[in-house]
Every structure is written in structure tokens, then in C-alpha cells.
Amino acid sequence: MLFRSNVLANPAFGTQLSEAGGGYSWAFNSRMMQLTAWSNDPVADPASEWFLLQDTKTREVWNVAPGALGDEQGAYRVSHGQGYSRISHQRGDLEVDAWWCVDARTSVKQVRLRIINGGHRTRHLRLVGIAEWMMGANRSDRSTVHTALFSQRLSAQKLTALLCTQRERSAGFGDGTAFFGLANSAAEEEDWTCDRRQLFDARGRLVLPDY
């Protein structure tokens, strides 16, 4: 099966998203300056960016997109348009709606997630976002990146971002920094990790870190 994709971009930044949730992001040059990893496998369509949900009571985990860890019993609805992509699905009483877009001028991709609980009981969910940094043209470029945590509160909203800087100046992304951020107006706790072993098992399969 081949997956249709949508390219969301401005002159300096872009992202590719398939209907299975695969794809990657780049800045300036889609081959030499990859922010997250690109794959030339149209069949497996591996992703390098994920958004997972977990029911903290039952510990069930599923993807907001139909790719890895996707809800096998749910029906996903995918729509690509000019400047946006939308993937939605129903899981029991939960309606999950995810939107992707790229700002027309700045190098920012936004992902908005809306969850509606149509049931009569309270649900406690955990949202996990994962970015597999590349910061270059080859996977070996990941060995020279440095990560750091940034956190700031602006009025009633808290901004938390994981920064990733390519320290190797001879590479295409020399001294370049990318960020993966969360704007949170609620009081929920946030947890961050840069340890790949908490996110992938020995065979490279996606797993969910403990909390």
C-alpha cells in the first residue's frame, strides 16, 4: 500500500505528512538540513515524529494517526488541504482530532490536538510527543547534537521546549537549533527525556516511556 502525503511549507521551512502519520520536517533544504529523519520507504512509511495517547487507568496506548501503535479497531479519517492536514478518529466515547499546519512566514509547525469525551465518566489521558532528531543529512549527524530544556511562564500559559543544537559546524546544520515545544495553560505535570532507550527497544521499535 502506498500512502498519500501532503507537503506543508514556506520558503524557509517545511514538513511532509502522510495519511498514516509518517513524514519529517526540514529547514531551508529538505535533503541536507533535515530536522527529523526522512525515509525513502513508501510502503512501511516510518515516521520520525509521533503523538501518542495513553489512558492512565487502563494503560492502553494508541497513536493519533494510523501508523505505528495506531488504533487497530478504530477508523481514521484523513484529509489533506492547502496549508493543513487533519487526522481524526473515534475510540469508544473519545473523539480525537489532530491538525497540522505550517506558519506562512516563520519556521514553525503547529500541531493542535482536540479531544472530546462523549461519555459519562471522567477520563485521564496522557499525551506523549516524540521527535527523532536528525539535524543534518545523515543519521550519523545525530551523534553530534546537544539537547537542552527551556521553560518559561508567560501570564497564565507555560511554554516548555526541548532544544536540539547541531554542534558540528561543517555539517549542513552547523550551529543550527531546532525546538519541540508545548504551550500548556493547565496545571498538568510535564516530563521530558532525551534518552533514546526509553522510546525505542533493542530492535528499534517504538515503545512508551514509564512515568
C-alpha atoms as a PDB file:
ATOM      1  CA  MET A   1       0.000   0.000   0.000  1.00  0.00           C
ATOM      2  CA  LEU A   2       1.259   3.469  -0.889  1.00  0.00           C
ATOM      3  CA  PHE A   3       0.393   6.400   1.339  1.00  0.00           C
ATOM      4  CA  ARG A   4      -0.601   9.806   0.003  1.00  0.00           C
ATOM      5  CA  SER A   5       1.312  12.710   1.511  1.00  0.00           C
ATOM      6  CA  ASN A   6       0.887  16.436   1.956  1.00  0.00           C
ATOM      7  CA  VAL A   7       3.725  18.961   1.913  1.00  0.00           C
ATOM      8  CA  LEU A   8       3.239  21.978   4.173  1.00  0.00           C
ATOM      9  CA  ALA A   9       5.935  24.580   3.626  1.00  0.00           C
ATOM     10  CA  ASN A  10       7.050  28.167   3.331  1.00  0.00           C
ATOM     11  CA  PRO A  11      10.300  29.346   1.645  1.00  0.00           C
ATOM     12  CA  ALA A  12      12.467  28.558   4.694  1.00  0.00           C
ATOM     13  CA  PHE A  13      10.748  25.630   6.424  1.00  0.00           C
ATOM     14  CA  GLY A  14       8.551  22.654   5.705  1.00  0.00           C
ATOM     15  CA  THR A  15       7.118  19.322   6.736  1.00  0.00           C
ATOM     16  CA  GLN A  16       5.799  16.262   4.945  1.00  0.00           C
ATOM     17  CA  LEU A  17       2.895  14.305   6.427  1.00  0.00           C
ATOM     18  CA  SER A  18       1.372  11.115   5.061  1.00  0.00           C
ATOM     19  CA  GLU A  19      -2.115   9.792   5.734  1.00  0.00           C
ATOM     20  CA  ALA A  20      -0.536   7.214   8.079  1.00  0.00           C
ATOM     21  CA  GLY A  21       1.147   9.943  10.132  1.00  0.00           C
ATOM     22  CA  GLY A  22       4.606   9.385   8.667  1.00  0.00           C
ATOM     23  CA  GLY A  23       6.884  12.140   7.479  1.00  0.00           C
ATOM     24  CA  TYR A  24       9.509  14.570   8.708  1.00  0.00           C
ATOM     25  CA  SER A  25      10.451  18.270   8.973  1.00  0.00           C
ATOM     26  CA  TRP A  26      13.255  20.345   7.454  1.00  0.00           C
ATOM     27  CA  ALA A  27      14.587  23.901   7.214  1.00  0.00           C
ATOM     28  CA  PHE A  28      15.907  25.594   4.034  1.00  0.00           C
ATOM     29  CA  ASN A  29      16.928  22.344   2.309  1.00  0.00           C
ATOM     30  CA  SER A  30      14.756  19.245   2.542  1.00  0.00           C
ATOM     31  CA  ARG A  31      17.679  16.847   1.936  1.00  0.00           C
ATOM     32  CA  MET A  32      20.703  18.468   3.571  1.00  0.00           C
ATOM     33  CA  MET A  33      19.006  20.144   6.535  1.00  0.00           C
ATOM     34  CA  GLN A  34      16.553  17.634   7.970  1.00  0.00           C
ATOM     35  CA  LEU A  35      15.260  18.444  11.430  1.00  0.00           C
ATOM     36  CA  THR A  36      13.772  14.990  11.889  1.00  0.00           C
ATOM     37  CA  ALA A  37      14.584  11.834   9.942  1.00  0.00           C
ATOM     38  CA  TRP A  38      13.296  11.222   6.408  1.00  0.00           C
ATOM     39  CA  SER A  39      12.737   7.756   4.971  1.00  0.00           C
ATOM     40  CA  ASN A  40      12.532   6.733   1.321  1.00  0.00           C
ATOM     41  CA  ASP A  41      10.256   3.787   2.099  1.00  0.00           C
ATOM     42  CA  PRO A  42       6.772   4.461   0.651  1.00  0.00           C
ATOM     43  CA  VAL A  43       5.459   1.075   1.834  1.00  0.00           C
ATOM     44  CA  ALA A  44       6.445   0.971   5.514  1.00  0.00           C
ATOM     45  CA  ASP A  45       6.157   4.777   5.723  1.00  0.00           C
ATOM     46  CA  PRO A  46       8.092   5.111   9.011  1.00  0.00           C
ATOM     47  CA  ALA A  47       7.573   8.301  10.985  1.00  0.00           C
ATOM     48  CA  SER A  48      10.098  10.372  12.900  1.00  0.00           C
ATOM     49  CA  GLU A  49       7.510  12.392  14.806  1.00  0.00           C
ATOM     50  CA  TRP A  50       4.731  10.843  16.901  1.00  0.00           C
ATOM     51  CA  PHE A  51       1.851  11.907  19.111  1.00  0.00           C
ATOM     52  CA  LEU A  52       0.573   9.140  21.359  1.00  0.00           C
ATOM     53  CA  LEU A  53      -2.286   8.977  23.850  1.00  0.00           C
ATOM     54  CA  GLN A  54      -2.454   6.755  26.901  1.00  0.00           C
ATOM     55  CA  ASP A  55      -5.342   6.021  29.242  1.00  0.00           C
ATOM     56  CA  THR A  56      -3.624   6.312  32.627  1.00  0.00           C
ATOM     57  CA  LYS A  57      -6.129   3.914  34.233  1.00  0.00           C
ATOM     58  CA  THR A  58      -6.077   1.052  31.722  1.00  0.00           C
ATOM     59  CA  ARG A  59      -2.526   1.859  30.425  1.00  0.00           C
ATOM     60  CA  GLU A  60      -3.777   1.436  26.843  1.00  0.00           C
ATOM     61  CA  VAL A  61      -1.656   3.342  24.297  1.00  0.00           C
ATOM     62  CA  TRP A  62      -2.560   4.439  20.795  1.00  0.00           C
ATOM     63  CA  ASN A  63      -1.445   6.858  18.080  1.00  0.00           C
ATOM     64  CA  VAL A  64      -3.448   9.902  16.961  1.00  0.00           C
ATOM     65  CA  ALA A  65      -2.527   8.727  13.423  1.00  0.00           C
ATOM     66  CA  PRO A  66      -2.999   5.230  11.939  1.00  0.00           C
ATOM     67  CA  GLY A  67       0.754   4.486  11.752  1.00  0.00           C
ATOM     68  CA  ALA A  68       2.837   2.800  14.472  1.00  0.00           C
ATOM     69  CA  LEU A  69       0.707   1.967  17.545  1.00  0.00           C
ATOM     70  CA  GLY A  70      -2.394   3.115  15.686  1.00  0.00           C
ATOM     71  CA  ASP A  71      -5.810   2.063  16.986  1.00  0.00           C
ATOM     72  CA  GLU A  72      -6.448  -1.166  15.032  1.00  0.00           C
ATOM     73  CA  GLN A  73     -10.147  -1.175  15.956  1.00  0.00           C
ATOM     74  CA  GLY A  74     -10.774   2.467  15.118  1.00  0.00           C
ATOM     75  CA  ALA A  75     -11.492   4.079  11.743  1.00  0.00           C
ATOM     76  CA  TYR A  76      -9.251   7.037  10.978  1.00  0.00           C
ATOM     77  CA  ARG A  77     -10.446   9.889   8.761  1.00  0.00           C
ATOM     78  CA  VAL A  78      -7.687  11.709   6.893  1.00  0.00           C
ATOM     79  CA  SER A  79      -7.990  14.934   4.900  1.00  0.00           C
ATOM     80  CA  HIS A  80      -5.225  16.935   3.216  1.00  0.00           C
ATOM     81  CA  GLY A  81      -5.822  20.505   2.114  1.00  0.00           C
ATOM     82  CA  GLN A  82      -3.847  23.555   1.074  1.00  0.00           C
ATOM     83  CA  GLY A  83      -1.872  24.539   4.158  1.00  0.00           C
ATOM     84  CA  TYR A  84      -3.191  21.863   6.525  1.00  0.00           C
ATOM     85  CA  SER A  85      -3.652  18.169   7.209  1.00  0.00           C
ATOM     86  CA  ARG A  86      -6.218  16.656   9.558  1.00  0.00           C
ATOM     87  CA  ILE A  87      -6.420  13.159  11.045  1.00  0.00           C
ATOM     88  CA  SER A  88      -9.337  12.231  13.300  1.00  0.00           C
ATOM     89  CA  HIS A  89     -10.752   9.059  14.801  1.00  0.00           C
ATOM     90  CA  GLN A  90     -13.243   7.746  17.343  1.00  0.00           C
ATOM     91  CA  ARG A  91     -12.087   5.481  20.174  1.00  0.00           C
ATOM     92  CA  GLY A  92     -15.015   4.446  22.341  1.00  0.00           C
ATOM     93  CA  ASP A  93     -16.512   7.631  23.790  1.00  0.00           C
ATOM     94  CA  LEU A  94     -13.468   9.684  22.822  1.00  0.00           C
ATOM     95  CA  GLU A  95     -13.339  11.785  19.672  1.00  0.00           C
ATOM     96  CA  VAL A  96      -9.749  12.664  18.775  1.00  0.00           C
ATOM     97  CA  ASP A  97      -8.970  15.350  16.207  1.00  0.00           C
ATOM     98  CA  ALA A  98      -5.395  16.346  15.192  1.00  0.00           C
ATOM     99  CA  TRP A  99      -4.466  19.249  12.879  1.00  0.00           C
ATOM    100  CA  TRP A 100      -1.070  20.019  11.313  1.00  0.00           C
ATOM    101  CA  CYS A 101      -0.137  23.348   9.736  1.00  0.00           C
ATOM    102  CA  VAL A 102       2.978  25.407   8.937  1.00  0.00           C
ATOM    103  CA  ASP A 103       3.119  29.141   9.543  1.00  0.00           C
ATOM    104  CA  ALA A 104       3.192  31.116   6.294  1.00  0.00           C
ATOM    105  CA  ARG A 105       6.171  33.245   7.352  1.00  0.00           C
ATOM    106  CA  THR A 106       8.052  31.788  10.314  1.00  0.00           C
ATOM    107  CA  SER A 107       9.814  28.429  10.687  1.00  0.00           C
ATOM    108  CA  VAL A 108       7.155  26.912  12.942  1.00  0.00           C
ATOM    109  CA  LYS A 109       4.932  23.875  12.565  1.00  0.00           C
ATOM    110  CA  GLN A 110       1.866  23.714  14.766  1.00  0.00           C
ATOM    111  CA  VAL A 111       0.023  20.579  15.806  1.00  0.00           C
ATOM    112  CA  ARG A 112      -3.311  21.117  17.536  1.00  0.00           C
ATOM    113  CA  LEU A 113      -4.981  18.213  19.305  1.00  0.00           C
ATOM    114  CA  ARG A 114      -8.632  18.320  20.368  1.00  0.00           C
ATOM    115  CA  ILE A 115     -10.178  15.544  22.465  1.00  0.00           C
ATOM    116  CA  ILE A 116     -13.893  15.370  23.218  1.00  0.00           C
ATOM    117  CA  ASN A 117     -15.211  12.935  25.809  1.00  0.00           C
ATOM    118  CA  GLY A 118     -18.751  11.958  24.849  1.00  0.00           C
ATOM    119  CA  GLY A 119     -19.130   9.520  27.735  1.00  0.00           C
ATOM    120  CA  HIS A 120     -20.425   9.896  31.280  1.00  0.00           C
ATOM    121  CA  ARG A 121     -17.227   9.082  33.147  1.00  0.00           C
ATOM    122  CA  THR A 122     -14.117  11.166  33.602  1.00  0.00           C
ATOM    123  CA  ARG A 123     -11.118  10.058  31.544  1.00  0.00           C
ATOM    124  CA  HIS A 124      -7.496  10.698  32.473  1.00  0.00           C
ATOM    125  CA  LEU A 125      -5.232  10.748  29.449  1.00  0.00           C
ATOM    126  CA  ARG A 126      -1.516  11.185  28.948  1.00  0.00           C
ATOM    127  CA  LEU A 127      -0.214  12.851  25.794  1.00  0.00           C
ATOM    128  CA  VAL A 128       3.279  11.914  24.585  1.00  0.00           C
ATOM    129  CA  GLY A 129       5.044  13.741  21.755  1.00  0.00           C
ATOM    130  CA  ILE A 130       8.233  12.261  20.271  1.00  0.00           C
ATOM    131  CA  ALA A 131      10.691  13.813  17.817  1.00  0.00           C
ATOM    132  CA  GLU A 132      13.535  11.709  16.400  1.00  0.00           C
ATOM    133  CA  TRP A 133      16.099  14.429  15.729  1.00  0.00           C
ATOM    134  CA  MET A 134      18.319  14.295  12.653  1.00  0.00           C
ATOM    135  CA  MET A 135      19.781  17.828  12.364  1.00  0.00           C
ATOM    136  CA  GLY A 136      21.602  17.077   9.128  1.00  0.00           C
ATOM    137  CA  ALA A 137      21.551  14.867   6.043  1.00  0.00           C
ATOM    138  CA  ASN A 138      22.574  11.520   7.556  1.00  0.00           C
ATOM    139  CA  ARG A 139      21.733   9.561  10.680  1.00  0.00           C
ATOM    140  CA  SER A 140      25.357   9.833  11.767  1.00  0.00           C
ATOM    141  CA  ASP A 141      24.770  13.579  12.231  1.00  0.00           C
ATOM    142  CA  ARG A 142      22.724  12.765  15.322  1.00  0.00           C
ATOM    143  CA  SER A 143      25.875  11.843  17.225  1.00  0.00           C
ATOM    144  CA  THR A 144      26.979  15.492  17.416  1.00  0.00           C
ATOM    145  CA  VAL A 145      23.755  17.122  18.618  1.00  0.00           C
ATOM    146  CA  HIS A 146      23.230  18.669  22.048  1.00  0.00           C
ATOM    147  CA  THR A 147      19.844  18.875  23.757  1.00  0.00           C
ATOM    148  CA  ALA A 148      18.631  21.228  26.467  1.00  0.00           C
ATOM    149  CA  LEU A 149      15.374  22.075  28.209  1.00  0.00           C
ATOM    150  CA  PHE A 150      13.821  25.541  28.121  1.00  0.00           C
ATOM    151  CA  SER A 151      10.849  26.574  30.263  1.00  0.00           C
ATOM    152  CA  GLN A 152       9.122  29.924  30.712  1.00  0.00           C
ATOM    153  CA  ARG A 153       5.776  31.105  32.067  1.00  0.00           C
ATOM    154  CA  LEU A 154       4.014  33.915  30.235  1.00  0.00           C
ATOM    155  CA  SER A 155       0.944  35.155  32.085  1.00  0.00           C
ATOM    156  CA  ALA A 156      -1.347  32.158  32.602  1.00  0.00           C
ATOM    157  CA  GLN A 157       0.399  29.980  30.000  1.00  0.00           C
ATOM    158  CA  LYS A 158       3.539  27.920  30.401  1.00  0.00           C
ATOM    159  CA  LEU A 159       5.896  27.304  27.491  1.00  0.00           C
ATOM    160  CA  THR A 160       8.204  24.296  27.636  1.00  0.00           C
ATOM    161  CA  ALA A 161      10.570  23.430  24.793  1.00  0.00           C
ATOM    162  CA  LEU A 162      13.221  20.810  24.132  1.00  0.00           C
ATOM    163  CA  LEU A 163      16.087  22.436  22.192  1.00  0.00           C
ATOM    164  CA  CYS A 164      18.356  20.472  19.859  1.00  0.00           C
ATOM    165  CA  THR A 165      21.558  22.084  18.519  1.00  0.00           C
ATOM    166  CA  GLN A 166      23.888  20.677  15.872  1.00  0.00           C
ATOM    167  CA  ARG A 167      27.376  21.324  17.258  1.00  0.00           C
ATOM    168  CA  GLU A 168      29.251  20.124  14.168  1.00  0.00           C
ATOM    169  CA  ARG A 169      29.807  23.327  12.162  1.00  0.00           C
ATOM    170  CA  SER A 170      30.942  21.592   8.980  1.00  0.00           C
ATOM    171  CA  ALA A 171      27.556  19.892   8.565  1.00  0.00           C
ATOM    172  CA  GLY A 172      24.638  21.497   6.786  1.00  0.00           C
ATOM    173  CA  PHE A 173      23.053  22.419  10.089  1.00  0.00           C
ATOM    174  CA  GLY A 174      26.188  23.723  11.822  1.00  0.00           C
ATOM    175  CA  ASP A 175      25.228  25.750  14.911  1.00  0.00           C
ATOM    176  CA  GLY A 176      21.537  25.393  13.985  1.00  0.00           C
ATOM    177  CA  THR A 177      18.957  24.838  16.733  1.00  0.00           C
ATOM    178  CA  ALA A 178      15.517  23.251  16.474  1.00  0.00           C
ATOM    179  CA  PHE A 179      12.846  23.126  19.167  1.00  0.00           C
ATOM    180  CA  PHE A 180       9.941  20.896  20.109  1.00  0.00           C
ATOM    181  CA  GLY A 181       7.626  22.877  22.354  1.00  0.00           C
ATOM    182  CA  LEU A 182       4.415  22.617  24.322  1.00  0.00           C
ATOM    183  CA  ALA A 183       2.177  25.525  25.269  1.00  0.00           C
ATOM    184  CA  ASN A 184       0.251  24.466  28.366  1.00  0.00           C
ATOM    185  CA  SER A 185      -2.360  26.576  30.130  1.00  0.00           C
ATOM    186  CA  ALA A 186      -3.346  23.761  32.510  1.00  0.00           C
ATOM    187  CA  ALA A 187      -1.631  22.591  35.680  1.00  0.00           C
ATOM    188  CA  GLU A 188      -0.726  19.104  34.471  1.00  0.00           C
ATOM    189  CA  GLU A 189       2.785  17.877  35.138  1.00  0.00           C
ATOM    190  CA  GLU A 190       5.245  17.640  32.248  1.00  0.00           C
ATOM    191  CA  ASP A 191       8.042  15.137  31.841  1.00  0.00           C
ATOM    192  CA  TRP A 192      10.875  15.198  29.292  1.00  0.00           C
ATOM    193  CA  THR A 193      13.572  12.751  28.280  1.00  0.00           C
ATOM    194  CA  CYS A 194      16.429  12.771  25.748  1.00  0.00           C
ATOM    195  CA  ASP A 195      17.274   9.103  26.327  1.00  0.00           C
ATOM    196  CA  ARG A 196      16.529   7.159  23.137  1.00  0.00           C
ATOM    197  CA  ARG A 197      16.486   3.897  25.105  1.00  0.00           C
ATOM    198  CA  GLN A 198      13.266   4.995  26.821  1.00  0.00           C
ATOM    199  CA  LEU A 199      11.494   5.418  23.475  1.00  0.00           C
ATOM    200  CA  PHE A 200      12.819   2.570  21.321  1.00  0.00           C
ATOM    201  CA  ASP A 201      13.574  -1.040  22.181  1.00  0.00           C
ATOM    202  CA  ALA A 202      16.652  -3.018  21.106  1.00  0.00           C
ATOM    203  CA  ARG A 203      15.093  -3.692  17.690  1.00  0.00           C
ATOM    204  CA  GLY A 204      14.273  -0.035  17.094  1.00  0.00           C
ATOM    205  CA  ARG A 205      10.541  -0.447  17.710  1.00  0.00           C
ATOM    206  CA  LEU A 206       8.622   2.405  19.280  1.00  0.00           C
ATOM    207  CA  VAL A 207       7.793   1.996  22.969  1.00  0.00           C
ATOM    208  CA  LEU A 208       6.285   4.338  25.525  1.00  0.00           C
ATOM    209  CA  PRO A 209       8.457   5.543  28.444  1.00  0.00           C
ATOM    210  CA  ASP A 210       7.303   4.977  32.008  1.00  0.00           C
ATOM    211  CA  TYR A 211       6.124   7.888  34.130  1.00  0.00           C
END
